PDB file of N, CA and C in Angstrom:
ATOM      1  N   MET A   1    -206.081-125.783  36.694  1.00  0.00           N
ATOM      2  CA  MET A   1    -206.339-127.200  37.153  1.00  0.00           C
ATOM      3  C   MET A   1    -207.659-127.225  38.107  1.00  0.00           C
ATOM      4  N   THR A   2    -208.456-128.041  37.619  1.00  0.00           N
ATOM      5  CA  THR A   2    -209.642-128.354  38.470  1.00  0.00           C
ATOM      6  C   THR A   2    -209.752-129.243  39.769  1.00  0.00           C
ATOM      7  N   ASN A   3    -208.589-130.117  39.668  1.00  0.00           N
ATOM      8  CA  ASN A   3    -208.188-130.870  41.183  1.00  0.00           C
ATOM      9  C   ASN A   3    -206.793-131.236  41.101  1.00  0.00           C
ATOM     10  N   THR A   4    -206.645-131.874  42.216  1.00  0.00           N
ATOM     11  CA  THR A   4    -205.181-132.441  42.473  1.00  0.00           C
ATOM     12  C   THR A   4    -204.758-133.700  41.493  1.00  0.00           C
ATOM     13  N   GLY A   5    -205.663-134.359  40.979  1.00  0.00           N
ATOM     14  CA  GLY A   5    -205.404-135.258  40.066  1.00  0.00           C
ATOM     15  C   GLY A   5    -205.012-134.927  38.744  1.00  0.00           C
ATOM     16  N   ASP A   6    -205.877-133.981  38.267  1.00  0.00           N
ATOM     17  CA  ASP A   6    -205.452-133.274  37.005  1.00  0.00           C
ATOM     18  C   ASP A   6    -203.962-132.847  36.924  1.00  0.00           C
ATOM     19  N   TYR A   7    -203.508-131.952  37.944  1.00  0.00           N
ATOM     20  CA  TYR A   7    -202.342-131.440  38.192  1.00  0.00           C
ATOM     21  C   TYR A   7    -201.354-132.358  38.330  1.00  0.00           C
ATOM     22  N   LEU A   8    -201.494-133.562  39.010  1.00  0.00           N
ATOM     23  CA  LEU A   8    -200.338-134.818  39.074  1.00  0.00           C
ATOM     24  C   LEU A   8    -200.334-135.300  37.885  1.00  0.00           C
ATOM     25  N   ARG A   9    -201.535-135.706  36.990  1.00  0.00           N
ATOM     26  CA  ARG A   9    -201.169-135.882  35.777  1.00  0.00           C
ATOM     27  C   ARG A   9    -200.577-135.283  34.736  1.00  0.00           C
ATOM     28  N   GLN A  10    -200.729-133.871  34.629  1.00  0.00           N
ATOM     29  CA  GLN A  10    -199.766-132.937  34.079  1.00  0.00           C
ATOM     30  C   GLN A  10    -198.443-132.923  34.388  1.00  0.00           C
ATOM     31  N   MET A  11    -198.151-132.891  35.456  1.00  0.00           N
ATOM     32  CA  MET A  11    -196.767-132.811  36.157  1.00  0.00           C
ATOM     33  C   MET A  11    -196.151-134.265  35.667  1.00  0.00           C
ATOM     34  N   ALA A  12    -196.661-135.259  35.569  1.00  0.00           N
ATOM     35  CA  ALA A  12    -196.181-136.480  35.283  1.00  0.00           C
ATOM     36  C   ALA A  12    -195.920-136.813  33.834  1.00  0.00           C
ATOM     37  N   MET A  13    -196.815-136.042  33.146  1.00  0.00           N
ATOM     38  CA  MET A  13    -196.486-136.134  31.614  1.00  0.00           C
ATOM     39  C   MET A  13    -195.617-135.244  31.231  1.00  0.00           C
ATOM     40  N   LYS A  14    -195.860-133.831  31.601  1.00  0.00           N
ATOM     41  CA  LYS A  14    -195.049-132.695  30.958  1.00  0.00           C
ATOM     42  C   LYS A  14    -194.030-132.100  32.004  1.00  0.00           C
ATOM     43  N   GLY A  15    -194.126-132.458  33.148  1.00  0.00           N
ATOM     44  CA  GLY A  15    -192.946-131.836  34.147  1.00  0.00           C
ATOM     45  C   GLY A  15    -193.196-130.577  34.709  1.00  0.00           C
ATOM     46  N   TYR A  16    -194.025-129.969  33.988  1.00  0.00           N
ATOM     47  CA  TYR A  16    -194.350-128.284  34.344  1.00  0.00           C
ATOM     48  C   TYR A  16    -195.734-127.742  33.987  1.00  0.00           C
ATOM     49  N   ILE A  17    -196.257-126.793  34.651  1.00  0.00           N
ATOM     50  CA  ILE A  17    -197.522-126.408  34.165  1.00  0.00           C
ATOM     51  C   ILE A  17    -197.243-124.789  34.109  1.00  0.00           C
ATOM     52  N   ILE A  18    -197.773-124.258  32.866  1.00  0.00           N
ATOM     53  CA  ILE A  18    -197.720-122.864  32.785  1.00  0.00           C
ATOM     54  C   ILE A  18    -199.203-122.180  32.765  1.00  0.00           C
ATOM     55  N   GLU A  19    -199.129-121.393  33.632  1.00  0.00           N
ATOM     56  CA  GLU A  19    -200.827-120.654  33.905  1.00  0.00           C
ATOM     57  C   GLU A  19    -200.565-119.375  33.670  1.00  0.00           C
ATOM     58  N   VAL A  20    -201.514-118.948  32.560  1.00  0.00           N
ATOM     59  CA  VAL A  20    -201.444-117.439  32.184  1.00  0.00           C
ATOM     60  C   VAL A  20    -202.573-116.803  32.548  1.00  0.00           C
ATOM     61  N   ASP A  21    -202.482-115.532  33.258  1.00  0.00           N
ATOM     62  CA  ASP A  21    -203.644-114.696  33.516  1.00  0.00           C
ATOM     63  C   ASP A  21    -203.896-113.683  32.438  1.00  0.00           C
ATOM     64  N   PHE A  22    -204.915-114.010  31.465  1.00  0.00           N
ATOM     65  CA  PHE A  22    -205.300-112.974  30.659  1.00  0.00           C
ATOM     66  C   PHE A  22    -206.290-112.011  30.939  1.00  0.00           C
ATOM     67  N   SER A  23    -206.566-111.705  32.112  1.00  0.00           N
ATOM     68  CA  SER A  23    -207.529-110.724  32.471  1.00  0.00           C
ATOM     69  C   SER A  23    -207.312-109.488  32.306  1.00  0.00           C
ATOM     70  N   ALA A  24    -206.014-109.031  32.443  1.00  0.00           N
ATOM     71  CA  ALA A  24    -205.722-107.567  32.037  1.00  0.00           C
ATOM     72  C   ALA A  24    -205.800-107.205  30.509  1.00  0.00           C
ATOM     73  N   VAL A  25    -205.572-108.533  29.814  1.00  0.00           N
ATOM     74  CA  VAL A  25    -205.401-108.311  28.425  1.00  0.00           C
ATOM     75  C   VAL A  25    -206.907-108.433  27.891  1.00  0.00           C
ATOM     76  N   LYS A  26    -207.764-109.068  28.451  1.00  0.00           N
ATOM     77  CA  LYS A  26    -209.293-109.032  28.347  1.00  0.00           C
ATOM     78  C   LYS A  26    -209.970-107.681  28.534  1.00  0.00           C
ATOM     79  N   GLU A  27    -209.391-107.062  29.723  1.00  0.00           N
ATOM     80  CA  GLU A  27    -209.838-105.874  30.131  1.00  0.00           C
ATOM     81  C   GLU A  27    -209.532-104.592  29.114  1.00  0.00           C
ATOM     82  N   LEU A  28    -208.239-104.885  28.731  1.00  0.00           N
ATOM     83  CA  LEU A  28    -207.749-103.916  27.702  1.00  0.00           C
ATOM     84  C   LEU A  28    -208.491-104.107  26.356  1.00  0.00           C
ATOM     85  N   ALA A  29    -208.951-105.006  25.838  1.00  0.00           N
ATOM     86  CA  ALA A  29    -209.610-105.384  24.729  1.00  0.00           C
ATOM     87  C   ALA A  29    -210.885-104.885  24.675  1.00  0.00           C
ATOM     88  N   LYS A  30    -211.667-105.012  25.898  1.00  0.00           N
ATOM     89  CA  LYS A  30    -212.859-104.236  25.961  1.00  0.00           C
ATOM     90  C   LYS A  30    -212.773-103.050  26.045  1.00  0.00           C
ATOM     91  N   GLU A  31    -211.790-102.220  26.762  1.00  0.00           N
ATOM     92  CA  GLU A  31    -211.877-100.854  26.856  1.00  0.00           C
ATOM     93  C   GLU A  31    -211.452-100.306  25.300  1.00  0.00           C
ATOM     94  N   VAL A  32    -210.403-100.981  24.396  1.00  0.00           N
ATOM     95  CA  VAL A  32    -210.026-100.531  23.277  1.00  0.00           C
ATOM     96  C   VAL A  32    -211.162-100.819  22.090  1.00  0.00           C
ATOM     97  N   GLY A  33    -212.135-101.695  22.477  1.00  0.00           N
ATOM     98  CA  GLY A  33    -213.232-101.821  21.721  1.00  0.00           C
ATOM     99  C   GLY A  33    -214.274-100.752  21.951  1.00  0.00           C
ATOM    100  N   GLY A  34    -214.582-100.506  22.930  1.00  0.00           N
ATOM    101  CA  GLY A  34    -215.352 -99.042  23.232  1.00  0.00           C
ATOM    102  C   GLY A  34    -214.926 -97.989  22.700  1.00  0.00           C
ATOM    103  N   ILE A  35    -213.568 -97.957  22.863  1.00  0.00           N
ATOM    104  CA  ILE A  35    -212.872 -96.490  22.186  1.00  0.00           C
ATOM    105  C   ILE A  35    -213.117 -96.561  20.670  1.00  0.00           C
ATOM    106  N   GLY A  36    -212.860 -97.966  20.012  1.00  0.00           N
ATOM    107  CA  GLY A  36    -213.043 -97.948  18.807  1.00  0.00           C
ATOM    108  C   GLY A  36    -214.532 -97.849  18.262  1.00  0.00           C
ATOM    109  N   ARG A  37    -215.481 -97.942  18.791  1.00  0.00           N
ATOM    110  CA  ARG A  37    -216.853 -97.927  18.592  1.00  0.00           C
ATOM    111  C   ARG A  37    -217.009 -96.409  18.514  1.00  0.00           C
ATOM    112  N   ASN A  38    -216.412 -95.576  19.861  1.00  0.00           N
ATOM    113  CA  ASN A  38    -216.443 -94.073  19.643  1.00  0.00           C
ATOM    114  C   ASN A  38    -215.927 -93.446  18.391  1.00  0.00           C
ATOM    115  N   ILE A  39    -214.936 -93.947  17.923  1.00  0.00           N
ATOM    116  CA  ILE A  39    -214.184 -93.390  16.851  1.00  0.00           C
ATOM    117  C   ILE A  39    -214.910 -93.699  15.520  1.00  0.00           C
ATOM    118  N   ASN A  40    -215.653 -94.905  15.488  1.00  0.00           N
ATOM    119  CA  ASN A  40    -216.311 -95.381  14.252  1.00  0.00           C
ATOM    120  C   ASN A  40    -217.557 -94.490  14.369  1.00  0.00           C
ATOM    121  N   GLN A  41    -218.138 -93.931  15.319  1.00  0.00           N
ATOM    122  CA  GLN A  41    -219.176 -93.272  15.140  1.00  0.00           C
ATOM    123  C   GLN A  41    -218.875 -91.549  14.757  1.00  0.00           C
ATOM    124  N   ILE A  42    -217.692 -91.311  15.196  1.00  0.00           N
ATOM    125  CA  ILE A  42    -217.104 -89.813  14.577  1.00  0.00           C
ATOM    126  C   ILE A  42    -216.860 -90.184  13.220  1.00  0.00           C
ATOM    127  N   ALA A  43    -216.319 -91.290  12.555  1.00  0.00           N
ATOM    128  CA  ALA A  43    -215.873 -91.267  11.295  1.00  0.00           C
ATOM    129  C   ALA A  43    -217.230 -91.508  10.333  1.00  0.00           C
ATOM    130  N   LYS A  44    -218.533 -92.159  10.936  1.00  0.00           N
ATOM    131  CA  LYS A  44    -219.728 -92.030  10.305  1.00  0.00           C
ATOM    132  C   LYS A  44    -220.175 -90.708  10.033  1.00  0.00           C
ATOM    133  N   ARG A  45    -220.073 -89.923  10.952  1.00  0.00           N
ATOM    134  CA  ARG A  45    -220.394 -88.363  11.088  1.00  0.00           C
ATOM    135  C   ARG A  45    -219.835 -87.728  10.043  1.00  0.00           C
ATOM    136  N   ILE A  46    -218.565 -88.036   9.924  1.00  0.00           N
ATOM    137  CA  ILE A  46    -217.718 -87.217   8.888  1.00  0.00           C
ATOM    138  C   ILE A  46    -217.906 -87.699   7.511  1.00  0.00           C
ATOM    139  N   ASN A  47    -218.247 -88.909   7.213  1.00  0.00           N
ATOM    140  CA  ASN A  47    -218.695 -89.383   5.896  1.00  0.00           C
ATOM    141  C   ASN A  47    -219.838 -88.912   5.660  1.00  0.00           C
ATOM    142  N   SER A  48    -220.701 -88.967   6.443  1.00  0.00           N
ATOM    143  CA  SER A  48    -222.058 -88.392   6.098  1.00  0.00           C
ATOM    144  C   SER A  48    -222.204 -86.951   5.878  1.00  0.00           C
ATOM    145  N   THR A  49    -221.491 -85.994   6.498  1.00  0.00           N
ATOM    146  CA  THR A  49    -221.696 -84.619   6.387  1.00  0.00           C
ATOM    147  C   THR A  49    -220.408 -84.120   5.658  1.00  0.00           C
ATOM    148  N   ASP A  50    -219.415 -84.923   5.253  1.00  0.00           N
ATOM    149  CA  ASP A  50    -218.076 -84.397   4.396  1.00  0.00           C
ATOM    150  C   ASP A  50    -217.396 -83.258   5.120  1.00  0.00           C
ATOM    151  N   THR A  51    -217.644 -83.271   6.454  1.00  0.00           N
ATOM    152  CA  THR A  51    -216.993 -82.161   7.124  1.00  0.00           C
ATOM    153  C   THR A  51    -216.213 -82.690   8.392  1.00  0.00           C
ATOM    154  N   ILE A  52    -214.985 -82.268   8.619  1.00  0.00           N
ATOM    155  CA  ILE A  52    -214.464 -82.653   9.600  1.00  0.00           C
ATOM    156  C   ILE A  52    -214.101 -81.443  10.732  1.00  0.00           C
ATOM    157  N   TYR A  53    -214.528 -81.786  11.932  1.00  0.00           N
ATOM    158  CA  TYR A  53    -214.560 -80.514  12.838  1.00  0.00           C
ATOM    159  C   TYR A  53    -213.306 -80.762  13.509  1.00  0.00           C
ATOM    160  N   LYS A  54    -212.522 -79.768  14.151  1.00  0.00           N
ATOM    161  CA  LYS A  54    -211.765 -79.669  15.076  1.00  0.00           C
ATOM    162  C   LYS A  54    -211.890 -80.357  16.339  1.00  0.00           C
ATOM    163  N   ASP A  55    -213.188 -80.442  16.963  1.00  0.00           N
ATOM    164  CA  ASP A  55    -213.755 -80.966  18.002  1.00  0.00           C
ATOM    165  C   ASP A  55    -213.378 -82.704  17.936  1.00  0.00           C
ATOM    166  N   ASP A  56    -213.635 -82.996  16.448  1.00  0.00           N
ATOM    167  CA  ASP A  56    -213.742 -84.511  16.351  1.00  0.00           C
ATOM    168  C   ASP A  56    -212.258 -84.840  16.452  1.00  0.00           C
ATOM    169  N   LEU A  57    -211.508 -84.067  15.678  1.00  0.00           N
ATOM    170  CA  LEU A  57    -209.890 -84.597  15.966  1.00  0.00           C
ATOM    171  C   LEU A  57    -209.374 -84.498  17.202  1.00  0.00           C
ATOM    172  N   THR A  58    -209.747 -83.401  18.140  1.00  0.00           N
ATOM    173  CA  THR A  58    -209.543 -83.340  19.492  1.00  0.00           C
ATOM    174  C   THR A  58    -210.029 -84.552  20.124  1.00  0.00           C
ATOM    175  N   GLU A  59    -211.283 -85.177  19.988  1.00  0.00           N
ATOM    176  CA  GLU A  59    -211.768 -86.077  20.578  1.00  0.00           C
ATOM    177  C   GLU A  59    -210.929 -87.434  20.373  1.00  0.00           C
ATOM    178  N   ILE A  60    -210.652 -87.472  18.873  1.00  0.00           N
ATOM    179  CA  ILE A  60    -209.985 -88.885  18.561  1.00  0.00           C
ATOM    180  C   ILE A  60    -208.650 -88.736  19.301  1.00  0.00           C
ATOM    181  N   GLU A  61    -207.853 -87.709  19.410  1.00  0.00           N
ATOM    182  CA  GLU A  61    -206.655 -87.692  20.119  1.00  0.00           C
ATOM    183  C   GLU A  61    -206.439 -88.053  21.336  1.00  0.00           C
ATOM    184  N   GLY A  62    -207.622 -87.551  22.081  1.00  0.00           N
ATOM    185  CA  GLY A  62    -208.050 -87.790  23.425  1.00  0.00           C
ATOM    186  C   GLY A  62    -208.164 -89.380  23.654  1.00  0.00           C
ATOM    187  N   TYR A  63    -208.879 -90.324  22.830  1.00  0.00           N
ATOM    188  CA  TYR A  63    -209.264 -91.523  22.686  1.00  0.00           C
ATOM    189  C   TYR A  63    -207.717 -92.304  22.364  1.00  0.00           C
ATOM    190  N   MET A  64    -207.089 -91.845  21.422  1.00  0.00           N
ATOM    191  CA  MET A  64    -205.766 -92.435  21.558  1.00  0.00           C
ATOM    192  C   MET A  64    -204.906 -92.483  22.452  1.00  0.00           C
ATOM    193  N   GLU A  65    -204.696 -91.151  23.188  1.00  0.00           N
ATOM    194  CA  GLU A  65    -203.958 -90.972  24.395  1.00  0.00           C
ATOM    195  C   GLU A  65    -204.486 -92.033  25.583  1.00  0.00           C
ATOM    196  N   LYS A  66    -205.746 -92.120  25.627  1.00  0.00           N
ATOM    197  CA  LYS A  66    -206.350 -93.121  26.514  1.00  0.00           C
ATOM    198  C   LYS A  66    -205.850 -94.542  26.340  1.00  0.00           C
ATOM    199  N   ILE A  67    -205.895 -94.849  24.838  1.00  0.00           N
ATOM    200  CA  ILE A  67    -205.501 -96.216  24.482  1.00  0.00           C
ATOM    201  C   ILE A  67    -203.986 -96.431  25.047  1.00  0.00           C
ATOM    202  N   TRP A  68    -203.102 -95.519  24.706  1.00  0.00           N
ATOM    203  CA  TRP A  68    -201.901 -95.547  25.174  1.00  0.00           C
ATOM    204  C   TRP A  68    -201.426 -95.753  26.558  1.00  0.00           C
ATOM    205  N   GLN A  69    -202.485 -94.885  27.289  1.00  0.00           N
ATOM    206  CA  GLN A  69    -202.441 -94.982  28.954  1.00  0.00           C
ATOM    207  C   GLN A  69    -202.743 -96.548  29.449  1.00  0.00           C
ATOM    208  N   LEU A  70    -203.572 -96.953  28.759  1.00  0.00           N
ATOM    209  CA  LEU A  70    -203.998 -98.377  28.969  1.00  0.00           C
ATOM    210  C   LEU A  70    -203.206 -99.305  28.745  1.00  0.00           C
ATOM    211  N   LEU A  71    -202.334 -99.229  27.514  1.00  0.00           N
ATOM    212  CA  LEU A  71    -201.497 -99.963  27.116  1.00  0.00           C
ATOM    213  C   LEU A  71    -200.134 -99.870  28.309  1.00  0.00           C
ATOM    214  N   ARG A  72    -199.633 -98.816  28.688  1.00  0.00           N
ATOM    215  CA  ARG A  72    -198.643 -98.510  29.361  1.00  0.00           C
ATOM    216  C   ARG A  72    -199.030 -99.128  30.720  1.00  0.00           C
ATOM    217  N   TYR A  73    -200.152 -98.810  31.491  1.00  0.00           N
ATOM    218  CA  TYR A  73    -200.674 -99.727  32.669  1.00  0.00           C
ATOM    219  C   TYR A  73    -200.783-100.997  32.769  1.00  0.00           C
ATOM    220  N   THR A  74    -201.364-101.651  31.467  1.00  0.00           N
ATOM    221  CA  THR A  74    -201.545-103.057  31.523  1.00  0.00           C
ATOM    222  C   THR A  74    -200.185-103.637  31.386  1.00  0.00           C
ATOM    223  N   LEU A  75    -199.072-103.123  30.715  1.00  0.00           N
ATOM    224  CA  LEU A  75    -197.799-103.570  30.620  1.00  0.00           C
ATOM    225  C   LEU A  75    -196.948-103.523  31.778  1.00  0.00           C
ATOM    226  N   SER A  76    -197.216-102.388  32.650  1.00  0.00           N
ATOM    227  CA  SER A  76    -196.508-102.253  33.943  1.00  0.00           C
ATOM    228  C   SER A  76    -197.073-102.971  34.758  1.00  0.00           C
ATOM    229  N   SER A  77    -198.219-103.315  34.699  1.00  0.00           N
ATOM    230  CA  SER A  77    -199.085-104.076  35.711  1.00  0.00           C
ATOM    231  C   SER A  77    -198.491-105.600  35.709  1.00  0.00           C
ATOM    232  N   GLN A  78    -198.531-106.174  34.346  1.00  0.00           N
ATOM    233  CA  GLN A  78    -198.006-107.581  34.199  1.00  0.00           C
ATOM    234  C   GLN A  78    -196.409-107.534  34.461  1.00  0.00           C
ATOM    235  N   ARG A  79    -195.631-106.755  34.404  1.00  0.00           N
ATOM    236  CA  ARG A  79    -194.052-106.813  34.807  1.00  0.00           C
ATOM    237  C   ARG A  79    -194.188-106.932  36.224  1.00  0.00           C
ATOM    238  N   SER A  80    -194.933-106.237  36.851  1.00  0.00           N
ATOM    239  CA  SER A  80    -194.785-106.053  38.373  1.00  0.00           C
ATOM    240  C   SER A  80    -195.562-107.048  39.050  1.00  0.00           C
ATOM    241  N   GLY A  81    -196.421-107.659  38.196  1.00  0.00           N
ATOM    242  CA  GLY A  81    -197.182-108.818  39.094  1.00  0.00           C
ATOM    243  C   GLY A  81    -198.498-108.442  39.395  1.00  0.00           C
ATOM    244  N   ARG A  82    -198.835-106.820  39.394  1.00  0.00           N
ATOM    245  CA  ARG A  82    -200.119-106.489  39.858  1.00  0.00           C
ATOM    246  C   ARG A  82    -201.244-106.941  38.907  1.00  0.00           C
ATOM    247  N   ARG A  83    -202.609-106.867  39.441  1.00  0.00           N
ATOM    248  CA  ARG A  83    -203.494-107.093  38.743  1.00  0.00           C
ATOM    249  C   ARG A  83    -204.499-105.857  38.962  1.00  0.00           C
TER     250      ARG A  83
END
């Protein structure tokens, strides 16, 4: 709400206001987007050379683990009310 009048109008019309903080989800999306770009670069290299290196697979596994860590952190932060 931007001011008291808006708040009072919403309360009079709906009786309640739900405010959702999406900052954690936005941060997660930003991080996952960066990881996706890194994986895409690896895929382009694989497609251009027709060769898959063990280091590439290890790097992708590391990125996937980071995604899971971010998801677990984001979910636990939201459940406990932390930001």
